[in-house]
Protein backbone atom coordinates (compact mmCIF):
# COMPACT_ATOMS: atom_id res chain seq x y z
CA UNK A 1 0.12 0.03 0.43
CA UNK A 2 0.74 3.64 -0.75
CA UNK A 3 0.97 6.69 1.21
CA UNK A 4 -2.70 8.20 2.73
CA UNK A 5 -2.04 11.92 1.78
CA UNK A 6 -4.49 13.74 4.40
CA UNK A 7 -3.80 17.13 3.12
CA UNK A 8 -3.83 17.41 -1.16
CA UNK A 9 -1.89 20.53 -2.75
CA UNK A 10 -4.18 22.95 -4.03
CA UNK A 11 -2.99 25.87 -5.82
CA UNK A 12 -1.57 29.21 -4.17
CA UNK A 13 -3.39 31.66 -3.33
CA UNK A 14 -0.93 33.93 -5.37
CA UNK A 15 -1.55 31.23 -8.50
CA UNK A 16 -4.67 31.45 -8.11
CA UNK A 17 -5.01 35.35 -8.26
CA UNK A 18 -2.39 35.31 -11.18
CA UNK A 19 -5.01 33.51 -13.47
CA UNK A 20 -7.89 35.68 -12.08
CA UNK A 21 -5.78 38.62 -13.13
CA UNK A 22 -5.38 37.21 -16.87
CA UNK A 23 -9.36 37.05 -16.40
CA UNK A 24 -10.10 40.64 -15.04
CA UNK A 25 -7.18 42.90 -16.95
CA UNK A 26 -7.79 44.68 -20.50
CA UNK A 27 -6.51 42.77 -23.49
CA UNK A 28 -3.76 45.36 -24.01
CA UNK A 29 -2.30 44.74 -20.34
CA UNK A 30 -2.52 40.88 -20.61
CA UNK A 31 1.13 40.75 -22.00
CA UNK A 32 2.96 42.62 -19.46
CA UNK A 33 6.57 41.78 -19.05
CA UNK A 34 5.92 41.47 -14.78
CA UNK A 35 2.66 40.17 -14.83
CA UNK A 36 3.32 37.00 -17.04
CA UNK A 37 7.02 36.98 -15.53
CA UNK A 38 5.47 36.14 -11.89
CA UNK A 39 2.86 34.06 -13.57
CA UNK A 40 5.11 31.57 -15.27
CA UNK A 41 7.57 31.49 -11.71
CA UNK A 42 4.65 30.75 -9.10
CA UNK A 43 3.22 28.15 -12.02
CA UNK A 44 6.98 26.43 -12.37
CA UNK A 45 7.00 26.22 -8.11
CA UNK A 46 3.44 24.02 -8.34
CA UNK A 47 4.11 22.24 -11.28
CA UNK A 48 7.57 21.05 -9.58
CA UNK A 49 5.48 20.40 -6.65
CA UNK A 50 2.96 18.36 -8.24
CA UNK A 51 5.86 16.42 -9.80
CA UNK A 52 7.07 15.33 -6.28
CA UNK A 53 3.54 14.70 -4.72
CA UNK A 54 3.43 11.67 -7.73
CA UNK A 55 6.90 10.63 -6.55
CA UNK A 56 5.74 10.58 -2.89
CA UNK A 57 2.31 8.60 -3.64
CA UNK A 58 3.81 6.25 -5.38
CA UNK A 59 6.44 5.15 -1.88
CA UNK A 60 5.36 1.72 -0.81
CA UNK A 61 4.74 2.64 2.80
CA UNK A 62 1.72 2.57 3.93
CA UNK A 63 1.84 4.06 7.47
CA UNK A 64 2.85 7.34 5.98
CA UNK A 65 0.15 10.41 6.10
CA UNK A 66 1.05 13.24 3.21
CA UNK A 67 -0.17 16.81 3.74
CA UNK A 68 1.07 18.48 0.52
CA UNK A 69 1.64 22.39 0.83
CA UNK A 70 1.35 23.89 4.57
CA UNK A 71 1.30 26.91 6.66
CA UNK A 72 1.73 27.45 10.54
CA UNK A 73 2.06 30.16 12.56
CA UNK A 74 4.84 30.12 15.53
CA UNK A 75 3.59 33.66 16.71
CA UNK A 76 4.09 35.94 15.58
CA UNK A 77 5.90 34.68 12.58
CA UNK A 78 4.37 31.82 9.84
CA UNK A 79 6.33 28.85 8.67
CA UNK A 80 5.97 26.96 5.22
CA UNK A 81 6.33 23.29 4.15
CA UNK A 82 5.94 21.88 0.88
CA UNK A 83 5.41 18.52 1.86
CA UNK A 84 5.55 17.03 5.73
CA UNK A 85 5.39 13.20 5.90
CA UNK A 86 4.16 11.88 9.07
CA UNK A 87 4.74 8.59 10.77
CA UNK A 88 4.71 6.82 14.05
CA UNK A 89 8.15 6.86 14.51
CA UNK A 90 9.63 10.16 12.22
CA UNK A 91 8.67 13.31 10.30
CA UNK A 92 10.00 13.98 7.10
CA UNK A 93 10.43 17.60 5.85
CA UNK A 94 10.46 17.84 2.13
CA UNK A 95 11.99 21.13 0.31
CA UNK A 96 11.08 21.47 -2.96
CA UNK A 97 12.74 23.41 -5.37
CA UNK A 98 11.97 23.39 -8.78
CA UNK A 99 15.53 24.94 -10.41
CA UNK A 100 15.91 23.86 -13.98
CA UNK A 101 19.24 23.51 -16.23
CA UNK A 102 22.57 23.81 -13.70
CA UNK A 103 22.36 24.69 -10.47
CA UNK A 104 25.86 24.58 -8.28
CA UNK A 105 25.50 23.89 -4.40
CA UNK A 106 28.62 25.50 -2.55
CA UNK A 107 28.64 23.95 1.26
CA UNK A 108 31.51 26.11 2.43
CA UNK A 109 30.00 29.21 1.74
CA UNK A 110 26.05 28.04 1.90
CA UNK A 111 25.24 28.86 -1.22
CA UNK A 112 23.13 28.02 -3.95
CA UNK A 113 23.47 29.69 -7.74
CA UNK A 114 21.86 28.72 -10.85
CA UNK A 115 23.39 29.21 -14.48
CA UNK A 116 20.49 29.98 -16.23
CA UNK A 117 20.90 31.16 -20.16
CA UNK A 118 24.10 32.18 -19.56
CA UNK A 119 23.41 33.92 -16.53
CA UNK A 120 24.48 33.18 -12.86
CA UNK A 121 21.54 33.54 -10.11
CA UNK A 122 22.01 33.33 -6.37
CA UNK A 123 19.80 31.88 -4.09
CA UNK A 124 19.56 30.97 -0.68
CA UNK A 125 21.09 27.80 1.19
CA UNK A 126 17.87 25.43 0.70
CA UNK A 127 19.78 22.80 3.15
CA UNK A 128 19.44 25.55 5.85
CA UNK A 129 16.05 26.88 4.48
CA UNK A 130 15.07 23.02 5.56
CA UNK A 131 16.72 23.24 8.84
CA UNK A 132 14.75 26.25 9.57
CA UNK A 133 11.36 24.64 8.78
CA UNK A 134 12.47 21.59 11.17
CA UNK A 135 13.35 24.05 14.05
CA UNK A 136 10.20 25.59 13.43
CA UNK A 137 8.66 22.63 12.83
CA UNK A 138 9.90 21.13 16.31
CA UNK A 139 8.78 24.42 18.79
CA UNK A 140 5.51 23.71 17.01
CA UNK A 141 4.97 20.22 17.94
CA UNK A 142 6.11 21.21 21.27
CA UNK A 143 4.06 23.74 22.37
CA UNK A 144 1.07 21.36 21.62
CA UNK A 145 2.30 18.80 23.59
CA UNK A 146 4.30 16.51 21.02
CA UNK A 147 7.65 16.02 22.41
CA UNK A 148 10.82 14.37 21.42
CA UNK A 149 9.27 13.60 17.93
CA UNK A 150 12.73 13.03 15.33
CA UNK A 151 12.04 15.49 11.72
CA UNK A 152 14.94 14.49 8.70
CA UNK A 153 15.06 17.05 6.40
CA UNK A 154 15.57 16.38 2.54
CA UNK A 155 15.76 19.17 -0.22
CA UNK A 156 14.34 17.55 -3.54
CA UNK A 157 14.99 18.65 -6.88
CA UNK A 158 12.03 18.34 -9.24
CA UNK A 159 13.01 18.01 -12.75
CA UNK A 160 15.56 14.97 -13.33
CA UNK A 161 16.82 17.09 -16.40
CA UNK A 162 18.13 19.31 -13.57
CA UNK A 163 22.29 19.39 -12.87
CA UNK A 164 23.27 19.57 -9.71
CA UNK A 165 26.84 20.39 -9.07
CA UNK A 166 28.46 19.72 -5.53
CA UNK A 167 31.31 21.95 -5.94
CA UNK A 168 33.58 20.56 -2.76
CA UNK A 169 32.09 17.11 -2.97
CA UNK A 170 30.83 17.05 0.52
CA UNK A 171 29.15 13.68 1.25
CA UNK A 172 26.45 15.12 3.08
CA UNK A 173 25.12 16.67 0.47
CA UNK A 174 24.62 13.84 -1.54
CA UNK A 175 21.83 12.89 0.99
CA UNK A 176 20.61 16.19 1.57
CA UNK A 177 20.24 17.78 -1.70
CA UNK A 178 18.48 14.66 -4.52
CA UNK A 179 16.97 13.91 -7.33
CA UNK A 180 13.30 13.55 -7.08
CA UNK A 181 13.36 10.10 -8.77
CA UNK A 182 16.01 9.08 -6.09
CA UNK A 183 13.10 9.96 -3.36
CA UNK A 184 12.39 6.78 -2.64
CA UNK A 185 16.08 5.45 -1.77
CA UNK A 186 16.33 8.11 0.32
CA UNK A 187 13.13 8.11 2.35
CA UNK A 188 14.25 4.32 2.40
CA UNK A 189 17.70 5.13 3.95
CA UNK A 190 16.42 7.78 6.56
CA UNK A 191 13.16 5.30 7.87
CA UNK A 192 15.61 2.33 8.52
CA UNK A 193 16.86 4.59 11.25
CA UNK A 194 14.34 4.64 13.20
CA UNK A 195 12.50 1.17 14.65
CA UNK A 196 10.49 2.54 17.77
CA UNK A 197 7.40 4.42 17.42
CA UNK A 198 7.41 7.65 19.02
CA UNK A 199 3.88 8.23 18.93
CA UNK A 200 0.47 5.97 18.95
CA UNK A 201 -2.37 5.92 16.27
CA UNK A 202 -4.40 8.31 18.68
CA UNK A 203 -1.94 10.78 18.82
CA UNK A 204 -1.12 10.81 14.89
CA UNK A 205 -4.29 11.26 14.56
CA UNK A 206 -4.47 13.97 16.82
CA UNK A 207 -1.91 15.66 15.28
CA UNK A 208 -2.80 15.34 11.58
CA UNK A 209 -6.14 17.54 12.85
CA UNK A 210 -4.64 19.71 14.74
CA UNK A 211 -2.55 20.80 11.66
CA UNK A 212 -5.37 20.48 8.96
CA UNK A 213 -6.97 22.83 11.61
CA UNK A 214 -4.23 25.44 12.01
CA UNK A 215 -2.96 25.35 8.47
CA UNK A 216 -3.34 29.09 7.53
CA UNK A 217 -2.56 29.20 3.61
CA UNK A 218 -0.93 33.09 2.63
CA UNK A 219 -2.79 35.76 1.32
CA UNK A 220 -1.66 38.21 -1.53
CA UNK A 221 -2.45 41.70 -2.82
CA UNK A 222 -0.95 41.51 -6.53
CA UNK A 223 -3.07 44.68 -7.48
CA UNK A 224 -1.47 46.38 -5.02
CA UNK A 225 1.62 45.00 -5.37
CA UNK A 226 2.11 45.83 -9.27
CA UNK A 227 0.22 49.60 -9.19
CA UNK A 228 -2.61 48.22 -10.60
CA UNK A 229 -5.82 50.20 -10.50
CA UNK A 230 -9.24 49.90 -11.66
CA UNK A 231 -9.08 51.51 -15.04
CA UNK A 232 -6.51 48.78 -15.69
CA UNK A 233 -9.43 46.23 -15.40
CA UNK A 234 -12.44 45.00 -17.15
CA UNK A 235 -16.09 46.01 -15.79
CA UNK A 236 -18.26 43.80 -15.69
CA UNK A 237 -18.26 40.09 -16.81
CA UNK A 238 -16.24 39.44 -20.11
CA UNK A 239 -17.62 36.56 -23.21
CA UNK A 240 -15.42 33.55 -22.24
CA UNK A 241 -16.13 33.33 -26.29
CA UNK A 242 -14.81 36.20 -27.77
CA UNK A 243 -13.89 38.42 -24.83
CA UNK A 244 -16.84 41.66 -25.33
CA UNK A 245 -17.30 42.50 -22.27
CA UNK A 246 -19.58 43.63 -19.84
CA UNK A 247 -21.98 40.59 -20.94
CA UNK A 248 -26.13 41.59 -19.97
CA UNK A 249 -28.25 40.19 -17.78
CA UNK A 250 -31.37 38.73 -19.73
CA UNK A 251 -33.71 36.17 -18.20
CA UNK A 252 -31.62 34.32 -15.09
CA UNK A 253 -28.81 34.01 -18.22
CA UNK A 254 -25.82 36.06 -19.25
CA UNK A 255 -26.10 37.25 -23.00
CA UNK A 256 -22.66 38.63 -25.00
CA UNK A 257 -23.61 41.76 -26.98
CA UNK A 258 -21.33 40.50 -29.58
CA UNK A 259 -21.58 37.11 -30.40
CA UNK A 260 -24.67 36.15 -28.52
CA UNK A 261 -23.64 33.49 -26.71
CA UNK A 262 -24.95 32.57 -23.49
CA UNK A 263 -24.25 31.75 -19.69
CA UNK A 264 -26.20 30.49 -16.93
CA UNK A 265 -23.02 31.12 -14.57
CA UNK A 266 -20.68 33.55 -15.53
CA UNK A 267 -21.39 35.40 -13.03
CA UNK A 268 -19.78 32.85 -10.51
CA UNK A 269 -16.18 32.81 -11.42
CA UNK A 270 -16.35 36.53 -11.38
CA UNK A 271 -17.64 36.69 -7.99
CA UNK A 272 -14.54 33.98 -6.67
CA UNK A 273 -12.10 36.11 -8.58
CA UNK A 274 -13.47 39.47 -6.84
CA UNK A 275 -12.77 37.49 -3.15
CA UNK A 276 -9.17 36.73 -4.59
CA UNK A 277 -8.70 39.91 -5.17
CA UNK A 278 -10.39 42.07 -1.92
CA UNK A 279 -10.87 39.56 0.74
CA UNK A 280 -13.09 37.62 2.20
CA UNK A 281 -16.50 38.69 1.94
CA UNK A 282 -18.91 40.64 -0.63
CA UNK A 283 -22.10 42.91 -0.30
CA UNK A 284 -25.13 42.54 -2.56
CA UNK A 285 -24.26 46.96 -3.57
CA UNK A 286 -20.41 45.85 -4.40
CA UNK A 287 -22.15 42.46 -6.08
CA UNK A 288 -23.93 44.68 -8.44
CA UNK A 289 -20.89 47.32 -9.71
CA UNK A 290 -18.52 44.23 -10.14
CA UNK A 291 -20.99 42.73 -12.36
CA UNK A 292 -22.47 45.69 -14.07
CA UNK A 293 -26.01 45.25 -12.97
CA UNK A 294 -28.99 47.21 -11.36
CA UNK A 295 -31.43 45.32 -9.14
CA UNK A 296 -31.04 44.07 -5.85
CA UNK A 297 -33.06 41.55 -6.04
CA UNK A 298 -31.08 39.86 -9.16
CA UNK A 299 -27.99 40.02 -7.15
CA UNK A 300 -29.40 38.39 -3.88
CA UNK A 301 -30.78 35.47 -6.37
CA UNK A 302 -26.74 35.71 -7.85
CA UNK A 303 -25.39 35.27 -4.24
CA UNK A 304 -27.45 32.86 -2.77
CA UNK A 305 -27.19 30.84 -5.53
CA UNK A 306 -23.68 30.36 -5.04
CA UNK A 307 -24.75 28.72 -1.43
CA UNK A 308 -22.26 30.69 0.35
CA UNK A 309 -22.23 31.55 3.89
CA UNK A 310 -23.71 34.68 5.27
CA UNK A 311 -23.70 36.86 7.93
CA UNK A 312 -24.94 39.82 9.08
CA UNK A 313 -28.79 40.92 7.97
CA UNK A 314 -30.56 42.75 5.61
CA UNK A 315 -28.10 45.81 4.06
CA UNK A 316 -25.69 44.99 6.13
CA UNK A 317 -25.70 40.72 5.01
CA UNK A 318 -22.12 39.77 3.89
CA UNK A 319 -21.51 36.64 1.64
CA UNK A 320 -18.35 35.34 2.63
CA UNK A 321 -15.02 33.79 0.52
CA UNK A 322 -15.23 29.52 0.57
CA UNK A 323 -11.36 28.68 1.97
CA UNK A 324 -8.65 29.25 -0.70
CA UNK A 325 -8.16 25.84 -0.56
CA UNK A 326 -11.74 24.87 -1.64
CA UNK A 327 -11.41 27.52 -4.70
CA UNK A 328 -12.01 25.90 -8.20
CA UNK A 329 -8.02 24.00 -9.22
CA UNK A 330 -9.18 24.48 -13.26
CA UNK A 331 -7.83 27.43 -15.11
CA UNK A 332 -9.94 29.04 -17.70
CA UNK A 333 -8.07 31.56 -19.63
CA UNK A 334 -9.62 34.74 -21.74
CA UNK A 335 -10.42 35.16 -25.10
CA UNK A 336 -6.37 36.52 -26.40
CA UNK A 337 -6.66 39.66 -28.32
CA UNK A 338 -4.76 39.86 -31.60
CA UNK A 339 -3.77 43.15 -30.75
CA UNK A 340 -0.33 43.36 -30.26
CA UNK A 341 0.25 46.58 -28.41
CA UNK A 342 1.68 46.16 -24.59
CA UNK A 343 1.11 48.89 -22.24
CA UNK A 344 2.64 49.62 -19.15
CA UNK A 345 0.65 50.78 -16.01
CA UNK A 346 0.74 54.49 -14.71
């Protein structure tokens, strides 16, 4: 049997928001260099983590429990673990790197450098990063009554094509920075060092439940970070087929004024995207402005149809966002403009 995944990896708030930005931003800004490069960076990280997820899922060890991506708090700070593996004998922290081409690790300087298209980039020491997560995890565990649980760390390079150069031939590095393809071997090697149970099944279930309860996904504000204003964004719902906006609300459905395509649920993605950009709640008034409609009753019907949690009454009523882990994972990218004009934000 294979490990049990108790928390599956979902897209980060940042990746979901960049995908939403392509749907919201006016076509002439869609190929903005910063937007495209930051989206590609975030997407590459997610894809690399998914590669490692598959390898972990095929590991022939039934007593392992896996959490794919979790963010916890040691007040006042948070720490993020790419993959956490639980067992009754030992915990594993996997720090996943999606670097491609060639990278060199200098164990004397504690430095990672990467060669990309003839240019050298420098990064934080991934081994020290993993060890910092280990220290944070130990503190977090002890504050919740879990003591003396061994923790092992591995830095996992997600892509087999990546060349890893251990420039000092440090033997410890070969067992710390590994390719994804050798992950099973290294989990075996480390797991065999621990023969006695440190926790019981009951304690492990309690720990798993607490981890899931305290997971706090990071939220970002890319509109603010990129200085994107309302004037850069599409008003109303754009047509998925031709890109015309806004679609009109007619007889409980949406219709495009250009190609006459119709949709009964075009509002759902727009409202979910609003939550990604603007926080965890929306009012009837803000919904009307978002969808470019006039009727409070229509907005109420639309919001109620999404079965969102609510708080407050009458004009003070707010409709609450789903948790980040509950957002749709499939991407809907907008109709591509044939315009070659690429504007900068002003």
